Amino acid sequence: MQITEGATLTNSVQAVAEGRLDMAPAPLILPFPLSRGIGPYSGIGPERGAELAANIRVVFFNAGSGQVFGYYNNNPIEDIRSLEGKRVWNGPPRGAALTSGRAMVQLLAGLKDGEGDEGIQNP
C-alpha cells in the first residue's frame, strides 16, 4: 500500500485517482473540482476529470479544523473585522490551507487577498 503525507493535496488526490497512490489525506472538496476539471485540475479537462473522480472513495472522514488568528503585541488588532492595511500571513504558498486562510480573512474582514491588506505566504 502506498500512502503519501506532506505533499500538495491536489497532486495527492490526482495520484490516487490515477492509481499511482493507494491513499492520501485530502479535504473532501477536492473531488468536486477534479470531477469537473476546474480550479487546480483545469489542465485535465472535464471529461478526464470526471473519469478520474469516479476512482476516488472516502475511507475516513474527519471535519476537524483549526484556524488561528494571532498578532504581535506591538501592532494589536482591536477588532478582527478591521484588518485594513495590515500584513496578514494566510498560509503556505498554495493549497487548501492558503485557500482557507484567505477565505477566513475575507469572511471576517471583507478583504480579498492583496486588496486592503498585504497577504503573505511562505512554506
PDB file of N, CA and C in Angstrom:
ATOM      1  N   MET A   1       0.854  -1.171   0.000  1.00  0.00           N
ATOM      2  CA  MET A   1       0.000   0.000   0.000  1.00  0.00           C
ATOM      3  C   MET A   1       0.896   1.228   0.000  1.00  0.00           C
ATOM      4  N   GLN A   2       0.604   2.165  -0.878  1.00  0.00           N
ATOM      5  CA  GLN A   2       1.366   3.405  -0.956  1.00  0.00           C
ATOM      6  C   GLN A   2       0.521   4.543  -0.412  1.00  0.00           C
ATOM      7  N   ILE A   3       1.111   5.278   0.520  1.00  0.00           N
ATOM      8  CA  ILE A   3       0.460   6.436   1.126  1.00  0.00           C
ATOM      9  C   ILE A   3       1.455   7.581   1.089  1.00  0.00           C
ATOM     10  N   THR A   4       0.964   8.784   0.889  1.00  0.00           N
ATOM     11  CA  THR A   4       1.839   9.953   0.921  1.00  0.00           C
ATOM     12  C   THR A   4       1.369  10.909   2.012  1.00  0.00           C
ATOM     13  N   GLU A   5       2.283  11.615   2.568  1.00  0.00           N
ATOM     14  CA  GLU A   5       1.972  12.620   3.589  1.00  0.00           C
ATOM     15  C   GLU A   5       2.872  13.808   3.341  1.00  0.00           C
ATOM     16  N   GLY A   6       2.338  15.012   3.466  1.00  0.00           N
ATOM     17  CA  GLY A   6       3.140  16.221   3.322  1.00  0.00           C
ATOM     18  C   GLY A   6       3.243  16.739   1.899  1.00  0.00           C
ATOM     19  N   ALA A   7       2.637  16.055   0.944  1.00  0.00           N
ATOM     20  CA  ALA A   7       2.655  16.537  -0.436  1.00  0.00           C
ATOM     21  C   ALA A   7       1.503  17.510  -0.653  1.00  0.00           C
ATOM     22  N   THR A   8       1.535  18.241  -1.758  1.00  0.00           N
ATOM     23  CA  THR A   8       0.422  19.110  -2.101  1.00  0.00           C
ATOM     24  C   THR A   8      -0.801  18.224  -2.302  1.00  0.00           C
ATOM     25  N   LEU A   9      -1.893  18.525  -1.593  1.00  0.00           N
ATOM     26  CA  LEU A   9      -3.042  17.628  -1.590  1.00  0.00           C
ATOM     27  C   LEU A   9      -3.715  17.512  -2.945  1.00  0.00           C
ATOM     28  N   THR A  10      -3.695  18.572  -3.735  1.00  0.00           N
ATOM     29  CA  THR A  10      -4.293  18.468  -5.070  1.00  0.00           C
ATOM     30  C   THR A  10      -3.552  17.419  -5.898  1.00  0.00           C
ATOM     31  N   ASN A  11      -2.232  17.388  -5.784  1.00  0.00           N
ATOM     32  CA  ASN A  11      -1.444  16.382  -6.505  1.00  0.00           C
ATOM     33  C   ASN A  11      -1.687  14.988  -5.942  1.00  0.00           C
ATOM     34  N   SER A  12      -1.827  14.876  -4.628  1.00  0.00           N
ATOM     35  CA  SER A  12      -2.057  13.581  -3.999  1.00  0.00           C
ATOM     36  C   SER A  12      -3.395  12.986  -4.432  1.00  0.00           C
ATOM     37  N   VAL A  13      -4.429  13.810  -4.489  1.00  0.00           N
ATOM     38  CA  VAL A  13      -5.748  13.330  -4.913  1.00  0.00           C
ATOM     39  C   VAL A  13      -5.683  12.837  -6.352  1.00  0.00           C
ATOM     40  N   GLN A  14      -5.012  13.572  -7.214  1.00  0.00           N
ATOM     41  CA  GLN A  14      -4.874  13.151  -8.606  1.00  0.00           C
ATOM     42  C   GLN A  14      -4.097  11.839  -8.700  1.00  0.00           C
ATOM     43  N   ALA A  15      -3.049  11.694  -7.881  1.00  0.00           N
ATOM     44  CA  ALA A  15      -2.259  10.453  -7.891  1.00  0.00           C
ATOM     45  C   ALA A  15      -3.101   9.259  -7.448  1.00  0.00           C
ATOM     46  N   VAL A  16      -3.977   9.446  -6.467  1.00  0.00           N
ATOM     47  CA  VAL A  16      -4.875   8.364  -6.033  1.00  0.00           C
ATOM     48  C   VAL A  16      -5.842   8.024  -7.163  1.00  0.00           C
ATOM     49  N   ALA A  17      -6.425   9.048  -7.777  1.00  0.00           N
ATOM     50  CA  ALA A  17      -7.391   8.827  -8.858  1.00  0.00           C
ATOM     51  C   ALA A  17      -6.761   8.115 -10.054  1.00  0.00           C
ATOM     52  N   GLU A  18      -5.489   8.368 -10.299  1.00  0.00           N
ATOM     53  CA  GLU A  18      -4.780   7.735 -11.416  1.00  0.00           C
ATOM     54  C   GLU A  18      -4.202   6.375 -11.046  1.00  0.00           C
ATOM     55  N   GLY A  19      -4.285   5.987  -9.766  1.00  0.00           N
ATOM     56  CA  GLY A  19      -3.785   4.689  -9.338  1.00  0.00           C
ATOM     57  C   GLY A  19      -2.306   4.663  -9.001  1.00  0.00           C
ATOM     58  N   ARG A  20      -1.657   5.842  -8.938  1.00  0.00           N
ATOM     59  CA  ARG A  20      -0.240   5.898  -8.579  1.00  0.00           C
ATOM     60  C   ARG A  20      -0.037   5.818  -7.084  1.00  0.00           C
ATOM     61  N   LEU A  21      -1.054   6.187  -6.297  1.00  0.00           N
ATOM     62  CA  LEU A  21      -1.052   6.060  -4.844  1.00  0.00           C
ATOM     63  C   LEU A  21      -2.317   5.319  -4.439  1.00  0.00           C
ATOM     64  N   ASP A  22      -2.244   4.652  -3.298  1.00  0.00           N
ATOM     65  CA  ASP A  22      -3.411   3.934  -2.794  1.00  0.00           C
ATOM     66  C   ASP A  22      -4.279   4.800  -1.900  1.00  0.00           C
ATOM     67  N   MET A  23      -3.656   5.733  -1.191  1.00  0.00           N
ATOM     68  CA  MET A  23      -4.378   6.510  -0.197  1.00  0.00           C
ATOM     69  C   MET A  23      -3.649   7.833   0.031  1.00  0.00           C
ATOM     70  N   ALA A  24      -4.406   8.884   0.335  1.00  0.00           N
ATOM     71  CA  ALA A  24      -3.793  10.179   0.636  1.00  0.00           C
ATOM     72  C   ALA A  24      -4.746  11.000   1.496  1.00  0.00           C
ATOM     73  N   PRO A  25      -4.197  11.839   2.380  1.00  0.00           N
ATOM     74  CA  PRO A  25      -5.066  12.762   3.115  1.00  0.00           C
ATOM     75  C   PRO A  25      -5.528  13.853   2.158  1.00  0.00           C
ATOM     76  N   ALA A  26      -6.767  14.302   2.330  1.00  0.00           N
ATOM     77  CA  ALA A  26      -7.271  15.343   1.427  1.00  0.00           C
ATOM     78  C   ALA A  26      -8.558  15.934   1.970  1.00  0.00           C
ATOM     79  N   PRO A  27      -8.779  17.231   1.732  1.00  0.00           N
ATOM     80  CA  PRO A  27     -10.085  17.810   2.064  1.00  0.00           C
ATOM     81  C   PRO A  27     -11.134  17.270   1.087  1.00  0.00           C
ATOM     82  N   LEU A  28     -12.336  17.099   1.558  1.00  0.00           N
ATOM     83  CA  LEU A  28     -13.379  16.495   0.736  1.00  0.00           C
ATOM     84  C   LEU A  28     -13.811  17.350  -0.451  1.00  0.00           C
ATOM     85  N   ILE A  29     -13.411  18.587  -0.506  1.00  0.00           N
ATOM     86  CA  ILE A  29     -13.794  19.453  -1.614  1.00  0.00           C
ATOM     87  C   ILE A  29     -13.046  19.090  -2.899  1.00  0.00           C
ATOM     88  N   LEU A  30     -11.870  18.490  -2.815  1.00  0.00           N
ATOM     89  CA  LEU A  30     -11.036  18.275  -3.996  1.00  0.00           C
ATOM     90  C   LEU A  30     -11.649  17.360  -5.059  1.00  0.00           C
ATOM     91  N   PRO A  31     -12.383  16.309  -4.723  1.00  0.00           N
ATOM     92  CA  PRO A  31     -13.006  15.528  -5.801  1.00  0.00           C
ATOM     93  C   PRO A  31     -14.003  16.338  -6.638  1.00  0.00           C
ATOM     94  N   PHE A  32     -14.610  17.358  -6.060  1.00  0.00           N
ATOM     95  CA  PHE A  32     -15.567  18.176  -6.811  1.00  0.00           C
ATOM     96  C   PHE A  32     -14.899  18.921  -7.966  1.00  0.00           C
ATOM     97  N   PRO A  33     -13.841  19.744  -7.718  1.00  0.00           N
ATOM     98  CA  PRO A  33     -13.210  20.392  -8.875  1.00  0.00           C
ATOM     99  C   PRO A  33     -12.560  19.378  -9.817  1.00  0.00           C
ATOM    100  N   LEU A  34     -12.066  18.244  -9.276  1.00  0.00           N
ATOM    101  CA  LEU A  34     -11.495  17.211 -10.139  1.00  0.00           C
ATOM    102  C   LEU A  34     -12.569  16.667 -11.080  1.00  0.00           C
ATOM    103  N   SER A  35     -13.757  16.398 -10.558  1.00  0.00           N
ATOM    104  CA  SER A  35     -14.827  15.810 -11.372  1.00  0.00           C
ATOM    105  C   SER A  35     -15.275  16.730 -12.498  1.00  0.00           C
ATOM    106  N   ARG A  36     -15.013  18.015 -12.367  1.00  0.00           N
ATOM    107  CA  ARG A  36     -15.406  18.976 -13.398  1.00  0.00           C
ATOM    108  C   ARG A  36     -14.219  19.529 -14.189  1.00  0.00           C
ATOM    109  N   GLY A  37     -13.008  19.127 -13.793  1.00  0.00           N
ATOM    110  CA  GLY A  37     -11.819  19.615 -14.475  1.00  0.00           C
ATOM    111  C   GLY A  37     -11.641  21.111 -14.335  1.00  0.00           C
ATOM    112  N   ILE A  38     -11.895  21.638 -13.127  1.00  0.00           N
ATOM    113  CA  ILE A  38     -11.797  23.079 -12.886  1.00  0.00           C
ATOM    114  C   ILE A  38     -10.779  23.361 -11.790  1.00  0.00           C
ATOM    115  N   GLY A  39     -10.493  24.642 -11.560  1.00  0.00           N
ATOM    116  CA  GLY A  39      -9.578  25.048 -10.491  1.00  0.00           C
ATOM    117  C   GLY A  39      -8.204  24.439 -10.704  1.00  0.00           C
ATOM    118  N   PRO A  40      -7.669  23.776  -9.667  1.00  0.00           N
ATOM    119  CA  PRO A  40      -6.322  23.211  -9.803  1.00  0.00           C
ATOM    120  C   PRO A  40      -6.253  22.072 -10.818  1.00  0.00           C
ATOM    121  N   TYR A  41      -7.413  21.578 -11.246  1.00  0.00           N
ATOM    122  CA  TYR A  41      -7.467  20.478 -12.209  1.00  0.00           C
ATOM    123  C   TYR A  41      -7.926  20.943 -13.595  1.00  0.00           C
ATOM    124  N   SER A  42      -7.842  22.227 -13.869  1.00  0.00           N
ATOM    125  CA  SER A  42      -8.321  22.747 -15.152  1.00  0.00           C
ATOM    126  C   SER A  42      -7.523  22.190 -16.330  1.00  0.00           C
ATOM    127  N   GLY A  43      -6.289  21.812 -16.126  1.00  0.00           N
ATOM    128  CA  GLY A  43      -5.481  21.237 -17.204  1.00  0.00           C
ATOM    129  C   GLY A  43      -5.911  19.834 -17.594  1.00  0.00           C
ATOM    130  N   ILE A  44      -6.654  19.185 -16.733  1.00  0.00           N
ATOM    131  CA  ILE A  44      -7.107  17.813 -17.004  1.00  0.00           C
ATOM    132  C   ILE A  44      -8.307  17.821 -17.951  1.00  0.00           C
ATOM    133  N   GLY A  45      -9.180  18.808 -17.771  1.00  0.00           N
ATOM    134  CA  GLY A  45     -10.387  18.894 -18.586  1.00  0.00           C
ATOM    135  C   GLY A  45     -11.550  18.162 -17.942  1.00  0.00           C
ATOM    136  N   PRO A  46     -12.777  18.524 -18.308  1.00  0.00           N
ATOM    137  CA  PRO A  46     -13.955  17.965 -17.653  1.00  0.00           C
ATOM    138  C   PRO A  46     -14.163  16.463 -17.867  1.00  0.00           C
ATOM    139  N   GLU A  47     -13.893  15.954 -19.077  1.00  0.00           N
ATOM    140  CA  GLU A  47     -14.133  14.530 -19.323  1.00  0.00           C
ATOM    141  C   GLU A  47     -13.149  13.651 -18.556  1.00  0.00           C
ATOM    142  N   ARG A  48     -11.868  13.977 -18.655  1.00  0.00           N
ATOM    143  CA  ARG A  48     -10.843  13.194 -17.941  1.00  0.00           C
ATOM    144  C   ARG A  48     -11.014  13.376 -16.437  1.00  0.00           C
ATOM    145  N   GLY A  49     -11.371  14.586 -15.987  1.00  0.00           N
ATOM    146  CA  GLY A  49     -11.599  14.834 -14.568  1.00  0.00           C
ATOM    147  C   GLY A  49     -12.728  13.983 -14.017  1.00  0.00           C
ATOM    148  N   ALA A  50     -13.833  13.882 -14.758  1.00  0.00           N
ATOM    149  CA  ALA A  50     -14.967  13.048 -14.323  1.00  0.00           C
ATOM    150  C   ALA A  50     -14.560  11.583 -14.251  1.00  0.00           C
ATOM    151  N   GLU A  51     -13.779  11.146 -15.213  1.00  0.00           N
ATOM    152  CA  GLU A  51     -13.297   9.762 -15.229  1.00  0.00           C
ATOM    153  C   GLU A  51     -12.411   9.476 -14.007  1.00  0.00           C
ATOM    154  N   LEU A  52     -11.496  10.398 -13.711  1.00  0.00           N
ATOM    155  CA  LEU A  52     -10.602  10.210 -12.568  1.00  0.00           C
ATOM    156  C   LEU A  52     -11.360  10.286 -11.244  1.00  0.00           C
ATOM    157  N   ALA A  53     -12.285  11.233 -11.128  1.00  0.00           N
ATOM    158  CA  ALA A  53     -13.030  11.395  -9.875  1.00  0.00           C
ATOM    159  C   ALA A  53     -13.845  10.150  -9.546  1.00  0.00           C
ATOM    160  N   ALA A  54     -14.256   9.416 -10.548  1.00  0.00           N
ATOM    161  CA  ALA A  54     -15.015   8.179 -10.315  1.00  0.00           C
ATOM    162  C   ALA A  54     -14.164   7.117  -9.614  1.00  0.00           C
ATOM    163  N   ASN A  55     -12.849   7.277  -9.610  1.00  0.00           N
ATOM    164  CA  ASN A  55     -11.952   6.312  -8.963  1.00  0.00           C
ATOM    165  C   ASN A  55     -11.716   6.605  -7.486  1.00  0.00           C
ATOM    166  N   ILE A  56     -12.241   7.714  -6.967  1.00  0.00           N
ATOM    167  CA  ILE A  56     -11.944   8.133  -5.593  1.00  0.00           C
ATOM    168  C   ILE A  56     -13.034   7.662  -4.638  1.00  0.00           C
ATOM    169  N   ARG A  57     -12.615   7.139  -3.493  1.00  0.00           N
ATOM    170  CA  ARG A  57     -13.527   6.729  -2.429  1.00  0.00           C
ATOM    171  C   ARG A  57     -13.033   7.312  -1.111  1.00  0.00           C
ATOM    172  N   VAL A  58     -13.964   7.718  -0.273  1.00  0.00           N
ATOM    173  CA  VAL A  58     -13.614   8.232   1.051  1.00  0.00           C
ATOM    174  C   VAL A  58     -13.542   7.052   2.007  1.00  0.00           C
ATOM    175  N   VAL A  59     -12.420   6.916   2.657  1.00  0.00           N
ATOM    176  CA  VAL A  59     -12.235   5.837   3.610  1.00  0.00           C
ATOM    177  C   VAL A  59     -12.569   6.319   5.025  1.00  0.00           C
ATOM    178  N   PHE A  60     -12.152   7.523   5.344  1.00  0.00           N
ATOM    179  CA  PHE A  60     -12.347   8.074   6.681  1.00  0.00           C
ATOM    180  C   PHE A  60     -12.582   9.561   6.553  1.00  0.00           C
ATOM    181  N   PHE A  61     -13.511  10.068   7.288  1.00  0.00           N
ATOM    182  CA  PHE A  61     -13.802  11.496   7.232  1.00  0.00           C
ATOM    183  C   PHE A  61     -13.666  12.091   8.621  1.00  0.00           C
ATOM    184  N   ASN A  62     -12.957  13.205   8.687  1.00  0.00           N
ATOM    185  CA  ASN A  62     -12.823  13.956   9.932  1.00  0.00           C
ATOM    186  C   ASN A  62     -12.939  15.428   9.577  1.00  0.00           C
ATOM    187  N   ALA A  63     -13.933  16.096  10.116  1.00  0.00           N
ATOM    188  CA  ALA A  63     -14.152  17.506   9.781  1.00  0.00           C
ATOM    189  C   ALA A  63     -13.400  18.452  10.704  1.00  0.00           C
ATOM    190  N   GLY A  64     -12.457  17.948  11.472  1.00  0.00           N
ATOM    191  CA  GLY A  64     -11.713  18.795  12.392  1.00  0.00           C
ATOM    192  C   GLY A  64     -10.878  19.836  11.651  1.00  0.00           C
ATOM    193  N   SER A  65     -10.842  21.023  12.189  1.00  0.00           N
ATOM    194  CA  SER A  65     -10.074  22.095  11.578  1.00  0.00           C
ATOM    195  C   SER A  65      -9.664  23.072  12.660  1.00  0.00           C
ATOM    196  N   GLY A  66      -8.574  23.714  12.444  1.00  0.00           N
ATOM    197  CA  GLY A  66      -8.138  24.736  13.393  1.00  0.00           C
ATOM    198  C   GLY A  66      -7.737  25.993  12.652  1.00  0.00           C
ATOM    199  N   GLN A  67      -8.329  27.093  12.994  1.00  0.00           N
ATOM    200  CA  GLN A  67      -7.971  28.384  12.432  1.00  0.00           C
ATOM    201  C   GLN A  67      -7.427  29.227  13.585  1.00  0.00           C
ATOM    202  N   VAL A  68      -6.227  29.721  13.423  1.00  0.00           N
ATOM    203  CA  VAL A  68      -5.604  30.512  14.467  1.00  0.00           C
ATOM    204  C   VAL A  68      -5.412  31.931  13.952  1.00  0.00           C
ATOM    205  N   PHE A  69      -5.813  32.885  14.748  1.00  0.00           N
ATOM    206  CA  PHE A  69      -5.577  34.281  14.393  1.00  0.00           C
ATOM    207  C   PHE A  69      -4.721  34.870  15.492  1.00  0.00           C
ATOM    208  N   GLY A  70      -3.500  35.234  15.156  1.00  0.00           N
ATOM    209  CA  GLY A  70      -2.588  35.795  16.150  1.00  0.00           C
ATOM    210  C   GLY A  70      -1.999  37.097  15.661  1.00  0.00           C
ATOM    211  N   TYR A  71      -1.465  37.876  16.586  1.00  0.00           N
ATOM    212  CA  TYR A  71      -0.855  39.150  16.214  1.00  0.00           C
ATOM    213  C   TYR A  71       0.232  39.487  17.226  1.00  0.00           C
ATOM    214  N   TYR A  72       1.148  40.363  16.785  1.00  0.00           N
ATOM    215  CA  TYR A  72       2.213  40.826  17.672  1.00  0.00           C
ATOM    216  C   TYR A  72       1.690  41.925  18.588  1.00  0.00           C
ATOM    217  N   ASN A  73       2.213  41.987  19.797  1.00  0.00           N
ATOM    218  CA  ASN A  73       1.769  42.990  20.762  1.00  0.00           C
ATOM    219  C   ASN A  73       2.023  44.422  20.304  1.00  0.00           C
ATOM    220  N   ASN A  74       3.060  44.628  19.479  1.00  0.00           N
ATOM    221  CA  ASN A  74       3.372  45.988  19.045  1.00  0.00           C
ATOM    222  C   ASN A  74       2.438  46.465  17.922  1.00  0.00           C
ATOM    223  N   ASN A  75       1.569  45.622  17.431  1.00  0.00           N
ATOM    224  CA  ASN A  75       0.617  46.001  16.381  1.00  0.00           C
ATOM    225  C   ASN A  75      -0.726  45.323  16.686  1.00  0.00           C
ATOM    226  N   PRO A  76      -1.347  45.689  17.789  1.00  0.00           N
ATOM    227  CA  PRO A  76      -2.545  44.962  18.231  1.00  0.00           C
ATOM    228  C   PRO A  76      -3.732  45.143  17.281  1.00  0.00           C
ATOM    229  N   ILE A  77      -4.544  44.127  17.246  1.00  0.00           N
ATOM    230  CA  ILE A  77      -5.775  44.145  16.467  1.00  0.00           C
ATOM    231  C   ILE A  77      -6.910  44.412  17.450  1.00  0.00           C
ATOM    232  N   GLU A  78      -7.559  45.525  17.300  1.00  0.00           N
ATOM    233  CA  GLU A  78      -8.664  45.881  18.186  1.00  0.00           C
ATOM    234  C   GLU A  78      -9.920  45.089  17.837  1.00  0.00           C
ATOM    235  N   ASP A  79     -10.129  44.861  16.540  1.00  0.00           N
ATOM    236  CA  ASP A  79     -11.331  44.192  16.061  1.00  0.00           C
ATOM    237  C   ASP A  79     -10.936  43.324  14.868  1.00  0.00           C
ATOM    238  N   ILE A  80     -11.253  42.054  14.910  1.00  0.00           N
ATOM    239  CA  ILE A  80     -10.859  41.134  13.844  1.00  0.00           C
ATOM    240  C   ILE A  80     -11.471  41.520  12.497  1.00  0.00           C
ATOM    241  N   ARG A  81     -12.498  42.345  12.533  1.00  0.00           N
ATOM    242  CA  ARG A  81     -13.121  42.810  11.294  1.00  0.00           C
ATOM    243  C   ARG A  81     -12.398  44.015  10.705  1.00  0.00           C
ATOM    244  N   SER A  82     -11.407  44.525  11.411  1.00  0.00           N
ATOM    245  CA  SER A  82     -10.673  45.715  10.958  1.00  0.00           C
ATOM    246  C   SER A  82      -9.226  45.348  10.645  1.00  0.00           C
ATOM    247  N   LEU A  83      -9.001  44.754   9.501  1.00  0.00           N
ATOM    248  CA  LEU A  83      -7.656  44.339   9.100  1.00  0.00           C
ATOM    249  C   LEU A  83      -7.099  45.207   7.975  1.00  0.00           C
ATOM    250  N   GLU A  84      -7.794  46.272   7.646  1.00  0.00           N
ATOM    251  CA  GLU A  84      -7.370  47.187   6.580  1.00  0.00           C
ATOM    252  C   GLU A  84      -5.940  47.670   6.842  1.00  0.00           C
ATOM    253  N   GLY A  85      -5.073  47.522   5.830  1.00  0.00           N
ATOM    254  CA  GLY A  85      -3.704  47.998   5.924  1.00  0.00           C
ATOM    255  C   GLY A  85      -2.766  47.103   6.706  1.00  0.00           C
ATOM    256  N   LYS A  86      -3.234  45.974   7.209  1.00  0.00           N
ATOM    257  CA  LYS A  86      -2.387  45.067   7.995  1.00  0.00           C
ATOM    258  C   LYS A  86      -1.694  44.059   7.077  1.00  0.00           C
ATOM    259  N   ARG A  87      -0.600  43.495   7.555  1.00  0.00           N
ATOM    260  CA  ARG A  87       0.096  42.402   6.886  1.00  0.00           C
ATOM    261  C   ARG A  87      -0.421  41.108   7.505  1.00  0.00           C
ATOM    262  N   VAL A  88      -0.980  40.230   6.662  1.00  0.00           N
ATOM    263  CA  VAL A  88      -1.621  39.009   7.145  1.00  0.00           C
ATOM    264  C   VAL A  88      -0.918  37.800   6.550  1.00  0.00           C
ATOM    265  N   TRP A  89      -0.387  36.916   7.410  1.00  0.00           N
ATOM    266  CA  TRP A  89       0.149  35.638   6.941  1.00  0.00           C
ATOM    267  C   TRP A  89      -1.033  34.699   6.846  1.00  0.00           C
ATOM    268  N   ASN A  90      -1.321  34.238   5.630  1.00  0.00           N
ATOM    269  CA  ASN A  90      -2.515  33.435   5.450  1.00  0.00           C
ATOM    270  C   ASN A  90      -2.229  32.039   4.937  1.00  0.00           C
ATOM    271  N   GLY A  91      -1.063  31.507   5.212  1.00  0.00           N
ATOM    272  CA  GLY A  91      -0.803  30.105   4.920  1.00  0.00           C
ATOM    273  C   GLY A  91       0.386  29.874   4.015  1.00  0.00           C
ATOM    274  N   PRO A  92       0.540  28.612   3.608  1.00  0.00           N
ATOM    275  CA  PRO A  92       1.613  28.241   2.696  1.00  0.00           C
ATOM    276  C   PRO A  92       1.333  28.773   1.289  1.00  0.00           C
ATOM    277  N   PRO A  93       2.282  28.636   0.367  1.00  0.00           N
ATOM    278  CA  PRO A  93       2.141  29.255  -0.948  1.00  0.00           C
ATOM    279  C   PRO A  93       0.955  28.789  -1.791  1.00  0.00           C
ATOM    280  N   ARG A  94       0.419  27.614  -1.533  1.00  0.00           N
ATOM    281  CA  ARG A  94      -0.709  27.125  -2.325  1.00  0.00           C
ATOM    282  C   ARG A  94      -1.436  26.024  -1.549  1.00  0.00           C
ATOM    283  N   GLY A  95      -2.582  25.637  -2.057  1.00  0.00           N
ATOM    284  CA  GLY A  95      -3.320  24.523  -1.487  1.00  0.00           C
ATOM    285  C   GLY A  95      -4.491  24.952  -0.620  1.00  0.00           C
ATOM    286  N   ALA A  96      -5.071  23.965   0.051  1.00  0.00           N
ATOM    287  CA  ALA A  96      -6.282  24.188   0.836  1.00  0.00           C
ATOM    288  C   ALA A  96      -6.042  25.099   2.041  1.00  0.00           C
ATOM    289  N   ALA A  97      -4.868  25.025   2.653  1.00  0.00           N
ATOM    290  CA  ALA A  97      -4.591  25.873   3.815  1.00  0.00           C
ATOM    291  C   ALA A  97      -4.579  27.351   3.413  1.00  0.00           C
ATOM    292  N   LEU A  98      -3.975  27.661   2.272  1.00  0.00           N
ATOM    293  CA  LEU A  98      -3.957  29.043   1.787  1.00  0.00           C
ATOM    294  C   LEU A  98      -5.373  29.503   1.454  1.00  0.00           C
ATOM    295  N   THR A  99      -6.119  28.662   0.770  1.00  0.00           N
ATOM    296  CA  THR A  99      -7.497  28.998   0.409  1.00  0.00           C
ATOM    297  C   THR A  99      -8.330  29.251   1.653  1.00  0.00           C
ATOM    298  N   SER A 100      -8.165  28.410   2.673  1.00  0.00           N
ATOM    299  CA  SER A 100      -8.907  28.586   3.923  1.00  0.00           C
ATOM    300  C   SER A 100      -8.501  29.863   4.645  1.00  0.00           C
ATOM    301  N   GLY A 101      -7.197  30.152   4.677  1.00  0.00           N
ATOM    302  CA  GLY A 101      -6.722  31.373   5.324  1.00  0.00           C
ATOM    303  C   GLY A 101      -7.258  32.625   4.652  1.00  0.00           C
ATOM    304  N   ARG A 102      -7.210  32.635   3.338  1.00  0.00           N
ATOM    305  CA  ARG A 102      -7.756  33.787   2.599  1.00  0.00           C
ATOM    306  C   ARG A 102      -9.263  33.911   2.801  1.00  0.00           C
ATOM    307  N   ALA A 103      -9.950  32.782   2.803  1.00  0.00           N
ATOM    308  CA  ALA A 103     -11.407  32.802   2.987  1.00  0.00           C
ATOM    309  C   ALA A 103     -11.769  33.327   4.374  1.00  0.00           C
ATOM    310  N   MET A 104     -10.965  32.971   5.400  1.00  0.00           N
ATOM    311  CA  MET A 104     -11.242  33.444   6.750  1.00  0.00           C
ATOM    312  C   MET A 104     -11.120  34.967   6.822  1.00  0.00           C
ATOM    313  N   VAL A 105     -10.078  35.526   6.217  1.00  0.00           N
ATOM    314  CA  VAL A 105      -9.899  36.982   6.218  1.00  0.00           C
ATOM    315  C   VAL A 105     -11.028  37.654   5.442  1.00  0.00           C
ATOM    316  N   GLN A 106     -11.402  37.073   4.311  1.00  0.00           N
ATOM    317  CA  GLN A 106     -12.483  37.673   3.524  1.00  0.00           C
ATOM    318  C   GLN A 106     -13.808  37.593   4.268  1.00  0.00           C
ATOM    319  N   LEU A 107     -14.067  36.486   4.919  1.00  0.00           N
ATOM    320  CA  LEU A 107     -15.303  36.320   5.677  1.00  0.00           C
ATOM    321  C   LEU A 107     -15.375  37.282   6.859  1.00  0.00           C
ATOM    322  N   LEU A 108     -14.291  37.393   7.617  1.00  0.00           N
ATOM    323  CA  LEU A 108     -14.304  38.208   8.833  1.00  0.00           C
ATOM    324  C   LEU A 108     -14.111  39.697   8.571  1.00  0.00           C
ATOM    325  N   ALA A 109     -13.231  40.025   7.623  1.00  0.00           N
ATOM    326  CA  ALA A 109     -12.894  41.432   7.411  1.00  0.00           C
ATOM    327  C   ALA A 109     -13.415  41.980   6.080  1.00  0.00           C
ATOM    328  N   GLY A 110     -13.896  41.106   5.213  1.00  0.00           N
ATOM    329  CA  GLY A 110     -14.394  41.565   3.925  1.00  0.00           C
ATOM    330  C   GLY A 110     -13.308  41.980   2.959  1.00  0.00           C
ATOM    331  N   LEU A 111     -12.076  41.533   3.183  1.00  0.00           N
ATOM    332  CA  LEU A 111     -10.949  41.921   2.327  1.00  0.00           C
ATOM    333  C   LEU A 111     -10.474  40.750   1.485  1.00  0.00           C
ATOM    334  N   LYS A 112     -10.337  40.950   0.195  1.00  0.00           N
ATOM    335  CA  LYS A 112      -9.723  39.946  -0.661  1.00  0.00           C
ATOM    336  C   LYS A 112      -8.217  40.092  -0.527  1.00  0.00           C
ATOM    337  N   ASP A 113      -7.499  38.985  -0.706  1.00  0.00           N
ATOM    338  CA  ASP A 113      -6.052  38.981  -0.556  1.00  0.00           C
ATOM    339  C   ASP A 113      -5.412  40.032  -1.460  1.00  0.00           C
ATOM    340  N   GLY A 114      -4.621  40.924  -0.874  1.00  0.00           N
ATOM    341  CA  GLY A 114      -3.940  41.966  -1.603  1.00  0.00           C
ATOM    342  C   GLY A 114      -4.759  43.203  -1.868  1.00  0.00           C
ATOM    343  N   GLU A 115      -6.026  43.195  -1.512  1.00  0.00           N
ATOM    344  CA  GLU A 115      -6.893  44.353  -1.687  1.00  0.00           C
ATOM    345  C   GLU A 115      -7.293  44.856  -0.305  1.00  0.00           C
ATOM    346  N   GLY A 116      -6.543  45.769   0.219  1.00  0.00           N
ATOM    347  CA  GLY A 116      -6.844  46.308   1.545  1.00  0.00           C
ATOM    348  C   GLY A 116      -5.935  45.766   2.631  1.00  0.00           C
ATOM    349  N   ASP A 117      -5.354  44.602   2.426  1.00  0.00           N
ATOM    350  CA  ASP A 117      -4.362  44.063   3.350  1.00  0.00           C
ATOM    351  C   ASP A 117      -3.211  43.517   2.514  1.00  0.00           C
ATOM    352  N   GLU A 118      -2.122  43.155   3.181  1.00  0.00           N
ATOM    353  CA  GLU A 118      -0.978  42.580   2.478  1.00  0.00           C
ATOM    354  C   GLU A 118      -0.905  41.103   2.867  1.00  0.00           C
ATOM    355  N   GLY A 119      -1.319  40.227   1.969  1.00  0.00           N
ATOM    356  CA  GLY A 119      -1.284  38.793   2.235  1.00  0.00           C
ATOM    357  C   GLY A 119       0.109  38.245   2.032  1.00  0.00           C
ATOM    358  N   ILE A 120       0.588  37.481   2.996  1.00  0.00           N
ATOM    359  CA  ILE A 120       1.926  36.886   2.950  1.00  0.00           C
ATOM    360  C   ILE A 120       1.768  35.367   2.982  1.00  0.00           C
ATOM    361  N   GLN A 121       2.513  34.668   2.137  1.00  0.00           N
ATOM    362  CA  GLN A 121       2.541  33.219   2.155  1.00  0.00           C
ATOM    363  C   GLN A 121       3.989  32.748   2.245  1.00  0.00           C
ATOM    364  N   ASN A 122       4.218  31.667   2.958  1.00  0.00           N
ATOM    365  CA  ASN A 122       5.530  31.039   2.973  1.00  0.00           C
ATOM    366  C   ASN A 122       5.378  29.570   3.341  1.00  0.00           C
ATOM    367  N   PRO A 123       6.329  28.729   2.926  1.00  0.00           N
ATOM    368  CA  PRO A 123       6.218  27.295   3.176  1.00  0.00           C
ATOM    369  C   PRO A 123       6.217  26.983   4.669  1.00  0.00           C
TER     370      PRO A 123
END
